[in-house]
């Protein structure tokens, strides 16, 4: 019953943000600009 945003294009940007967040040990999740 939840809603999730399924990526059409931009998976590389998604993983880039995740990898950088882990490597840099960011205290909060990054935010990505998306077009619905």
ModelCIF file with pLDDT and N, C-alpha, C, O atoms, coordinates in Angstrom:
data_MODEL
#
_entry.id   MODEL 
#
_entity.id                         1 
_entity.type                       polymer 
_entity.pdbx_number_of_molecules   1 
#
_entity_poly.entity_id                      1 
_entity_poly.type                           'polypeptide(L)' 
_entity_poly.nstd_linkage                   no 
_entity_poly.nstd_monomer                   no 
_entity_poly.pdbx_seq_one_letter_code       
;(UNK)(UNK)(UNK)(UNK)(UNK)(UNK)(UNK)(UNK)(UNK)(UNK)(UNK)(UNK)(UNK)(UNK)(UNK)(UNK)
(UNK)(UNK)(UNK)(UNK)(UNK)(UNK)(UNK)(UNK)(UNK)(UNK)(UNK)(UNK)(UNK)(UNK)(UNK)(UNK)
(UNK)(UNK)(UNK)(UNK)
;
_entity_poly.pdbx_seq_one_letter_code_can   XXXXXXXXXXXXXXXXXXXXXXXXXXXXXXXXXXXX 
_entity_poly.pdbx_strand_id                 A 
#
loop_
_entity_poly_seq.entity_id 
_entity_poly_seq.num 
_entity_poly_seq.mon_id 
_entity_poly_seq.hetero 
1 1  UNK n 
1 2  UNK n 
1 3  UNK n 
1 4  UNK n 
1 5  UNK n 
1 6  UNK n 
1 7  UNK n 
1 8  UNK n 
1 9  UNK n 
1 10 UNK n 
1 11 UNK n 
1 12 UNK n 
1 13 UNK n 
1 14 UNK n 
1 15 UNK n 
1 16 UNK n 
1 17 UNK n 
1 18 UNK n 
1 19 UNK n 
1 20 UNK n 
1 21 UNK n 
1 22 UNK n 
1 23 UNK n 
1 24 UNK n 
1 25 UNK n 
1 26 UNK n 
1 27 UNK n 
1 28 UNK n 
1 29 UNK n 
1 30 UNK n 
1 31 UNK n 
1 32 UNK n 
1 33 UNK n 
1 34 UNK n 
1 35 UNK n 
1 36 UNK n 
#
_struct_asym.id          A 
_struct_asym.entity_id   1 
#
loop_
_ma_qa_metric.id 
_ma_qa_metric.mode 
_ma_qa_metric.name 
_ma_qa_metric.software_group_id 
_ma_qa_metric.type 
1 global pLDDT . pLDDT 
2 local  pLDDT . pLDDT 
#
_ma_qa_metric_global.metric_id      1 
_ma_qa_metric_global.metric_value   94.83 
_ma_qa_metric_global.model_id       1 
_ma_qa_metric_global.ordinal_id     1 
#
loop_
_ma_qa_metric_local.label_asym_id 
_ma_qa_metric_local.label_comp_id 
_ma_qa_metric_local.label_seq_id 
_ma_qa_metric_local.metric_id 
_ma_qa_metric_local.metric_value 
_ma_qa_metric_local.model_id 
_ma_qa_metric_local.ordinal_id 
A UNK 1  2 85.00 1 1  
A UNK 2  2 88.00 1 2  
A UNK 3  2 93.00 1 3  
A UNK 4  2 95.00 1 4  
A UNK 5  2 97.00 1 5  
A UNK 6  2 95.00 1 6  
A UNK 7  2 96.00 1 7  
A UNK 8  2 94.00 1 8  
A UNK 9  2 93.00 1 9  
A UNK 10 2 94.00 1 10 
A UNK 11 2 95.00 1 11 
A UNK 12 2 94.00 1 12 
A UNK 13 2 95.00 1 13 
A UNK 14 2 97.00 1 14 
A UNK 15 2 97.00 1 15 
A UNK 16 2 96.00 1 16 
A UNK 17 2 97.00 1 17 
A UNK 18 2 97.00 1 18 
A UNK 19 2 97.00 1 19 
A UNK 20 2 96.00 1 20 
A UNK 21 2 96.00 1 21 
A UNK 22 2 97.00 1 22 
A UNK 23 2 96.00 1 23 
A UNK 24 2 95.00 1 24 
A UNK 25 2 95.00 1 25 
A UNK 26 2 93.00 1 26 
A UNK 27 2 92.00 1 27 
A UNK 28 2 95.00 1 28 
A UNK 29 2 96.00 1 29 
A UNK 30 2 95.00 1 30 
A UNK 31 2 96.00 1 31 
A UNK 32 2 96.00 1 32 
A UNK 33 2 95.00 1 33 
A UNK 34 2 96.00 1 34 
A UNK 35 2 95.00 1 35 
A UNK 36 2 95.00 1 36 
#
loop_
_atom_site.group_PDB 
_atom_site.id 
_atom_site.type_symbol 
_atom_site.label_atom_id 
_atom_site.label_alt_id 
_atom_site.label_comp_id 
_atom_site.label_asym_id 
_atom_site.label_entity_id 
_atom_site.label_seq_id 
_atom_site.pdbx_PDB_ins_code 
_atom_site.Cartn_x 
_atom_site.Cartn_y 
_atom_site.Cartn_z 
_atom_site.occupancy 
_atom_site.B_iso_or_equiv 
_atom_site.pdbx_formal_charge 
_atom_site.auth_seq_id 
_atom_site.auth_comp_id 
_atom_site.auth_asym_id 
_atom_site.auth_atom_id 
_atom_site.pdbx_PDB_model_num 
ATOM 1   N N  . UNK A 1 1  ? 0.777  -1.232 0.000   1.00 85.00 ? 1  UNK A N  1 
ATOM 2   C CA . UNK A 1 1  ? 0.000  0.000  0.000   1.00 85.00 ? 1  UNK A CA 1 
ATOM 3   C C  . UNK A 1 1  ? 0.806  1.277  0.000   1.00 85.00 ? 1  UNK A C  1 
ATOM 4   O O  . UNK A 1 1  ? 0.228  2.364  0.018   1.00 85.00 ? 1  UNK A O  1 
ATOM 5   N N  . UNK A 1 2  ? 2.146  1.181  -0.020  1.00 88.00 ? 2  UNK A N  1 
ATOM 6   C CA . UNK A 1 2  ? 2.970  2.379  -0.072  1.00 88.00 ? 2  UNK A CA 1 
ATOM 7   C C  . UNK A 1 2  ? 3.120  2.845  -1.517  1.00 88.00 ? 2  UNK A C  1 
ATOM 8   O O  . UNK A 1 2  ? 2.809  2.106  -2.450  1.00 88.00 ? 2  UNK A O  1 
ATOM 9   N N  . UNK A 1 3  ? 3.597  4.070  -1.694  1.00 93.00 ? 3  UNK A N  1 
ATOM 10  C CA . UNK A 1 3  ? 3.948  4.566  -3.009  1.00 93.00 ? 3  UNK A CA 1 
ATOM 11  C C  . UNK A 1 3  ? 5.459  4.737  -3.091  1.00 93.00 ? 3  UNK A C  1 
ATOM 12  O O  . UNK A 1 3  ? 6.089  5.219  -2.150  1.00 93.00 ? 3  UNK A O  1 
ATOM 13  N N  . UNK A 1 4  ? 6.034  4.341  -4.218  1.00 95.00 ? 4  UNK A N  1 
ATOM 14  C CA . UNK A 1 4  ? 7.467  4.482  -4.445  1.00 95.00 ? 4  UNK A CA 1 
ATOM 15  C C  . UNK A 1 4  ? 7.668  5.077  -5.831  1.00 95.00 ? 4  UNK A C  1 
ATOM 16  O O  . UNK A 1 4  ? 6.914  4.790  -6.760  1.00 95.00 ? 4  UNK A O  1 
ATOM 17  N N  . UNK A 1 5  ? 8.681  5.899  -5.954  1.00 97.00 ? 5  UNK A N  1 
ATOM 18  C CA . UNK A 1 5  ? 8.979  6.537  -7.235  1.00 97.00 ? 5  UNK A CA 1 
ATOM 19  C C  . UNK A 1 5  ? 9.863  5.587  -8.051  1.00 97.00 ? 5  UNK A C  1 
ATOM 20  O O  . UNK A 1 5  ? 11.016 5.345  -7.692  1.00 97.00 ? 5  UNK A O  1 
ATOM 21  N N  . UNK A 1 6  ? 9.322  5.055  -9.141  1.00 95.00 ? 6  UNK A N  1 
ATOM 22  C CA . UNK A 1 6  ? 10.071 4.135  -10.002 1.00 95.00 ? 6  UNK A CA 1 
ATOM 23  C C  . UNK A 1 6  ? 10.829 4.942  -11.044 1.00 95.00 ? 6  UNK A C  1 
ATOM 24  O O  . UNK A 1 6  ? 10.235 5.712  -11.800 1.00 95.00 ? 6  UNK A O  1 
ATOM 25  N N  . UNK A 1 7  ? 12.140 4.762  -11.080 1.00 96.00 ? 7  UNK A N  1 
ATOM 26  C CA . UNK A 1 7  ? 12.989 5.549  -11.962 1.00 96.00 ? 7  UNK A CA 1 
ATOM 27  C C  . UNK A 1 7  ? 12.864 5.075  -13.411 1.00 96.00 ? 7  UNK A C  1 
ATOM 28  O O  . UNK A 1 7  ? 13.020 3.891  -13.710 1.00 96.00 ? 7  UNK A O  1 
ATOM 29  N N  . UNK A 1 8  ? 12.582 6.014  -14.286 1.00 94.00 ? 8  UNK A N  1 
ATOM 30  C CA . UNK A 1 8  ? 12.592 5.736  -15.727 1.00 94.00 ? 8  UNK A CA 1 
ATOM 31  C C  . UNK A 1 8  ? 14.005 5.993  -16.263 1.00 94.00 ? 8  UNK A C  1 
ATOM 32  O O  . UNK A 1 8  ? 14.637 5.078  -16.792 1.00 94.00 ? 8  UNK A O  1 
ATOM 33  N N  . UNK A 1 9  ? 14.502 7.216  -16.135 1.00 93.00 ? 9  UNK A N  1 
ATOM 34  C CA . UNK A 1 9  ? 15.867 7.547  -16.524 1.00 93.00 ? 9  UNK A CA 1 
ATOM 35  C C  . UNK A 1 9  ? 16.564 8.218  -15.339 1.00 93.00 ? 9  UNK A C  1 
ATOM 36  O O  . UNK A 1 9  ? 15.938 8.933  -14.557 1.00 93.00 ? 9  UNK A O  1 
ATOM 37  N N  . UNK A 1 10 ? 17.861 7.977  -15.223 1.00 94.00 ? 10 UNK A N  1 
ATOM 38  C CA . UNK A 1 10 ? 18.620 8.611  -14.147 1.00 94.00 ? 10 UNK A CA 1 
ATOM 39  C C  . UNK A 1 10 ? 19.087 7.666  -13.062 1.00 94.00 ? 10 UNK A C  1 
ATOM 40  O O  . UNK A 1 10 ? 19.399 8.109  -11.957 1.00 94.00 ? 10 UNK A O  1 
ATOM 41  N N  . UNK A 1 11 ? 19.145 6.348  -13.351 1.00 95.00 ? 11 UNK A N  1 
ATOM 42  C CA . UNK A 1 11 ? 19.609 5.415  -12.324 1.00 95.00 ? 11 UNK A CA 1 
ATOM 43  C C  . UNK A 1 11 ? 21.056 5.712  -11.927 1.00 95.00 ? 11 UNK A C  1 
ATOM 44  O O  . UNK A 1 11 ? 21.424 5.540  -10.765 1.00 95.00 ? 11 UNK A O  1 
ATOM 45  N N  . UNK A 1 12 ? 21.881 6.158  -12.882 1.00 94.00 ? 12 UNK A N  1 
ATOM 46  C CA . UNK A 1 12 ? 23.258 6.511  -12.538 1.00 94.00 ? 12 UNK A CA 1 
ATOM 47  C C  . UNK A 1 12 ? 23.297 7.648  -11.521 1.00 94.00 ? 12 UNK A C  1 
ATOM 48  O O  . UNK A 1 12 ? 24.129 7.633  -10.614 1.00 94.00 ? 12 UNK A O  1 
ATOM 49  N N  . UNK A 1 13 ? 22.413 8.630  -11.657 1.00 95.00 ? 13 UNK A N  1 
ATOM 50  C CA . UNK A 1 13 ? 22.356 9.736  -10.705 1.00 95.00 ? 13 UNK A CA 1 
ATOM 51  C C  . UNK A 1 13 ? 21.902 9.244  -9.327  1.00 95.00 ? 13 UNK A C  1 
ATOM 52  O O  . UNK A 1 13 ? 22.379 9.719  -8.296  1.00 95.00 ? 13 UNK A O  1 
ATOM 53  N N  . UNK A 1 14 ? 20.980 8.292  -9.332  1.00 97.00 ? 14 UNK A N  1 
ATOM 54  C CA . UNK A 1 14 ? 20.511 7.682  -8.081  1.00 97.00 ? 14 UNK A CA 1 
ATOM 55  C C  . UNK A 1 14 ? 21.672 7.026  -7.336  1.00 97.00 ? 14 UNK A C  1 
ATOM 56  O O  . UNK A 1 14 ? 21.897 7.306  -6.159  1.00 97.00 ? 14 UNK A O  1 
ATOM 57  N N  . UNK A 1 15 ? 22.416 6.144  -8.032  1.00 97.00 ? 15 UNK A N  1 
ATOM 58  C CA . UNK A 1 15 ? 23.508 5.436  -7.361  1.00 97.00 ? 15 UNK A CA 1 
ATOM 59  C C  . UNK A 1 15 ? 24.661 6.376  -7.028  1.00 97.00 ? 15 UNK A C  1 
ATOM 60  O O  . UNK A 1 15 ? 25.346 6.181  -6.024  1.00 97.00 ? 15 UNK A O  1 
ATOM 61  N N  . UNK A 1 16 ? 24.882 7.390  -7.855  1.00 96.00 ? 16 UNK A N  1 
ATOM 62  C CA . UNK A 1 16 ? 25.922 8.370  -7.551  1.00 96.00 ? 16 UNK A CA 1 
ATOM 63  C C  . UNK A 1 16 ? 25.647 9.054  -6.216  1.00 96.00 ? 16 UNK A C  1 
ATOM 64  O O  . UNK A 1 16 ? 26.555 9.247  -5.407  1.00 96.00 ? 16 UNK A O  1 
ATOM 65  N N  . UNK A 1 17 ? 24.390 9.418  -5.995  1.00 97.00 ? 17 UNK A N  1 
ATOM 66  C CA . UNK A 1 17 ? 24.015 10.069 -4.741  1.00 97.00 ? 17 UNK A CA 1 
ATOM 67  C C  . UNK A 1 17 ? 24.174 9.116  -3.559  1.00 97.00 ? 17 UNK A C  1 
ATOM 68  O O  . UNK A 1 17 ? 24.663 9.520  -2.504  1.00 97.00 ? 17 UNK A O  1 
ATOM 69  N N  . UNK A 1 18 ? 23.766 7.857  -3.722  1.00 97.00 ? 18 UNK A N  1 
ATOM 70  C CA . UNK A 1 18 ? 23.879 6.870  -2.638  1.00 97.00 ? 18 UNK A CA 1 
ATOM 71  C C  . UNK A 1 18 ? 25.340 6.599  -2.289  1.00 97.00 ? 18 UNK A C  1 
ATOM 72  O O  . UNK A 1 18 ? 25.706 6.575  -1.114  1.00 97.00 ? 18 UNK A O  1 
ATOM 73  N N  . UNK A 1 19 ? 26.175 6.396  -3.311  1.00 97.00 ? 19 UNK A N  1 
ATOM 74  C CA . UNK A 1 19 ? 27.595 6.094  -3.085  1.00 97.00 ? 19 UNK A CA 1 
ATOM 75  C C  . UNK A 1 19 ? 28.294 7.255  -2.382  1.00 97.00 ? 19 UNK A C  1 
ATOM 76  O O  . UNK A 1 19 ? 29.077 7.058  -1.452  1.00 97.00 ? 19 UNK A O  1 
ATOM 77  N N  . UNK A 1 20 ? 27.998 8.456  -2.841  1.00 96.00 ? 20 UNK A N  1 
ATOM 78  C CA . UNK A 1 20 ? 28.639 9.622  -2.226  1.00 96.00 ? 20 UNK A CA 1 
ATOM 79  C C  . UNK A 1 20 ? 28.184 9.788  -0.778  1.00 96.00 ? 20 UNK A C  1 
ATOM 80  O O  . UNK A 1 20 ? 28.988 10.131 0.089   1.00 96.00 ? 20 UNK A O  1 
ATOM 81  N N  . UNK A 1 21 ? 26.905 9.549  -0.514  1.00 96.00 ? 21 UNK A N  1 
ATOM 82  C CA . UNK A 1 21 ? 26.398 9.684  0.852   1.00 96.00 ? 21 UNK A CA 1 
ATOM 83  C C  . UNK A 1 21 ? 27.105 8.719  1.797   1.00 96.00 ? 21 UNK A C  1 
ATOM 84  O O  . UNK A 1 21 ? 27.430 9.078  2.929   1.00 96.00 ? 21 UNK A O  1 
ATOM 85  N N  . UNK A 1 22 ? 27.344 7.495  1.332   1.00 97.00 ? 22 UNK A N  1 
ATOM 86  C CA . UNK A 1 22 ? 28.022 6.503  2.165   1.00 97.00 ? 22 UNK A CA 1 
ATOM 87  C C  . UNK A 1 22 ? 29.501 6.845  2.309   1.00 97.00 ? 22 UNK A C  1 
ATOM 88  O O  . UNK A 1 22 ? 30.041 6.807  3.414   1.00 97.00 ? 22 UNK A O  1 
ATOM 89  N N  . UNK A 1 23 ? 30.153 7.175  1.210   1.00 96.00 ? 23 UNK A N  1 
ATOM 90  C CA . UNK A 1 23 ? 31.584 7.485  1.272   1.00 96.00 ? 23 UNK A CA 1 
ATOM 91  C C  . UNK A 1 23 ? 31.864 8.699  2.157   1.00 96.00 ? 23 UNK A C  1 
ATOM 92  O O  . UNK A 1 23 ? 32.819 8.704  2.934   1.00 96.00 ? 23 UNK A O  1 
ATOM 93  N N  . UNK A 1 24 ? 31.020 9.730  2.030   1.00 95.00 ? 24 UNK A N  1 
ATOM 94  C CA . UNK A 1 24 ? 31.219 10.962 2.789   1.00 95.00 ? 24 UNK A CA 1 
ATOM 95  C C  . UNK A 1 24 ? 30.581 10.912 4.172   1.00 95.00 ? 24 UNK A C  1 
ATOM 96  O O  . UNK A 1 24 ? 30.709 11.854 4.954   1.00 95.00 ? 24 UNK A O  1 
ATOM 97  N N  . UNK A 1 25 ? 29.891 9.806  4.474   1.00 95.00 ? 25 UNK A N  1 
ATOM 98  C CA . UNK A 1 25 ? 29.227 9.632  5.771   1.00 95.00 ? 25 UNK A CA 1 
ATOM 99  C C  . UNK A 1 25 ? 28.320 10.818 6.094   1.00 95.00 ? 25 UNK A C  1 
ATOM 100 O O  . UNK A 1 25 ? 28.391 11.403 7.174   1.00 95.00 ? 25 UNK A O  1 
ATOM 101 N N  . UNK A 1 26 ? 27.470 11.152 5.130   1.00 93.00 ? 26 UNK A N  1 
ATOM 102 C CA . UNK A 1 26 ? 26.564 12.285 5.318   1.00 93.00 ? 26 UNK A CA 1 
ATOM 103 C C  . UNK A 1 26 ? 25.575 11.996 6.440   1.00 93.00 ? 26 UNK A C  1 
ATOM 104 O O  . UNK A 1 26 ? 25.135 10.859 6.614   1.00 93.00 ? 26 UNK A O  1 
ATOM 105 N N  . UNK A 1 27 ? 25.235 13.011 7.183   1.00 92.00 ? 27 UNK A N  1 
ATOM 106 C CA . UNK A 1 27 ? 24.328 12.848 8.317   1.00 92.00 ? 27 UNK A CA 1 
ATOM 107 C C  . UNK A 1 27 ? 22.865 12.777 7.893   1.00 92.00 ? 27 UNK A C  1 
ATOM 108 O O  . UNK A 1 27 ? 22.027 12.290 8.651   1.00 92.00 ? 27 UNK A O  1 
ATOM 109 N N  . UNK A 1 28 ? 22.554 13.249 6.711   1.00 95.00 ? 28 UNK A N  1 
ATOM 110 C CA . UNK A 1 28 ? 21.179 13.193 6.197   1.00 95.00 ? 28 UNK A CA 1 
ATOM 111 C C  . UNK A 1 28 ? 21.207 12.682 4.762   1.00 95.00 ? 28 UNK A C  1 
ATOM 112 O O  . UNK A 1 28 ? 22.217 12.780 4.066   1.00 95.00 ? 28 UNK A O  1 
ATOM 113 N N  . UNK A 1 29 ? 20.082 12.140 4.344   1.00 96.00 ? 29 UNK A N  1 
ATOM 114 C CA . UNK A 1 29 ? 19.990 11.662 2.969   1.00 96.00 ? 29 UNK A CA 1 
ATOM 115 C C  . UNK A 1 29 ? 20.086 12.833 1.981   1.00 96.00 ? 29 UNK A C  1 
ATOM 116 O O  . UNK A 1 29 ? 19.581 13.922 2.254   1.00 96.00 ? 29 UNK A O  1 
ATOM 117 N N  . UNK A 1 30 ? 20.736 12.602 0.835   1.00 95.00 ? 30 UNK A N  1 
ATOM 118 C CA . UNK A 1 30 ? 20.731 13.626 -0.204  1.00 95.00 ? 30 UNK A CA 1 
ATOM 119 C C  . UNK A 1 30 ? 19.349 13.742 -0.824  1.00 95.00 ? 30 UNK A C  1 
ATOM 120 O O  . UNK A 1 30 ? 18.511 12.854 -0.668  1.00 95.00 ? 30 UNK A O  1 
ATOM 121 N N  . UNK A 1 31 ? 19.120 14.834 -1.524  1.00 96.00 ? 31 UNK A N  1 
ATOM 122 C CA . UNK A 1 31 ? 17.869 15.038 -2.243  1.00 96.00 ? 31 UNK A CA 1 
ATOM 123 C C  . UNK A 1 31 ? 18.178 15.142 -3.732  1.00 96.00 ? 31 UNK A C  1 
ATOM 124 O O  . UNK A 1 31 ? 19.113 15.833 -4.138  1.00 96.00 ? 31 UNK A O  1 
ATOM 125 N N  . UNK A 1 32 ? 17.390 14.456 -4.529  1.00 96.00 ? 32 UNK A N  1 
ATOM 126 C CA . UNK A 1 32 ? 17.551 14.477 -5.975  1.00 96.00 ? 32 UNK A CA 1 
ATOM 127 C C  . UNK A 1 32 ? 16.350 15.148 -6.613  1.00 96.00 ? 32 UNK A C  1 
ATOM 128 O O  . UNK A 1 32 ? 15.210 14.941 -6.197  1.00 96.00 ? 32 UNK A O  1 
ATOM 129 N N  . UNK A 1 33 ? 16.620 15.952 -7.629  1.00 95.00 ? 33 UNK A N  1 
ATOM 130 C CA . UNK A 1 33 ? 15.529 16.592 -8.384  1.00 95.00 ? 33 UNK A CA 1 
ATOM 131 C C  . UNK A 1 33 ? 14.958 15.577 -9.359  1.00 95.00 ? 33 UNK A C  1 
ATOM 132 O O  . UNK A 1 33 ? 15.695 14.977 -10.142 1.00 95.00 ? 33 UNK A O  1 
ATOM 133 N N  . UNK A 1 34 ? 13.657 15.388 -9.313  1.00 96.00 ? 34 UNK A N  1 
ATOM 134 C CA . UNK A 1 34 ? 13.003 14.412 -10.182 1.00 96.00 ? 34 UNK A CA 1 
ATOM 135 C C  . UNK A 1 34 ? 11.860 15.079 -10.945 1.00 96.00 ? 34 UNK A C  1 
ATOM 136 O O  . UNK A 1 34 ? 11.235 16.024 -10.463 1.00 96.00 ? 34 UNK A O  1 
ATOM 137 N N  . UNK A 1 35 ? 11.609 14.572 -12.123 1.00 95.00 ? 35 UNK A N  1 
ATOM 138 C CA . UNK A 1 35 ? 10.448 14.963 -12.916 1.00 95.00 ? 35 UNK A CA 1 
ATOM 139 C C  . UNK A 1 35 ? 9.473  13.796 -12.960 1.00 95.00 ? 35 UNK A C  1 
ATOM 140 O O  . UNK A 1 35 ? 9.821  12.701 -13.400 1.00 95.00 ? 35 UNK A O  1 
ATOM 141 N N  . UNK A 1 36 ? 8.260  14.038 -12.504 1.00 95.00 ? 36 UNK A N  1 
ATOM 142 C CA . UNK A 1 36 ? 7.206  13.029 -12.583 1.00 95.00 ? 36 UNK A CA 1 
ATOM 143 C C  . UNK A 1 36 ? 6.608  13.106 -13.981 1.00 95.00 ? 36 UNK A C  1 
ATOM 144 O O  . UNK A 1 36 ? 5.691  12.350 -14.303 1.00 95.00 ? 36 UNK A O  1 
#
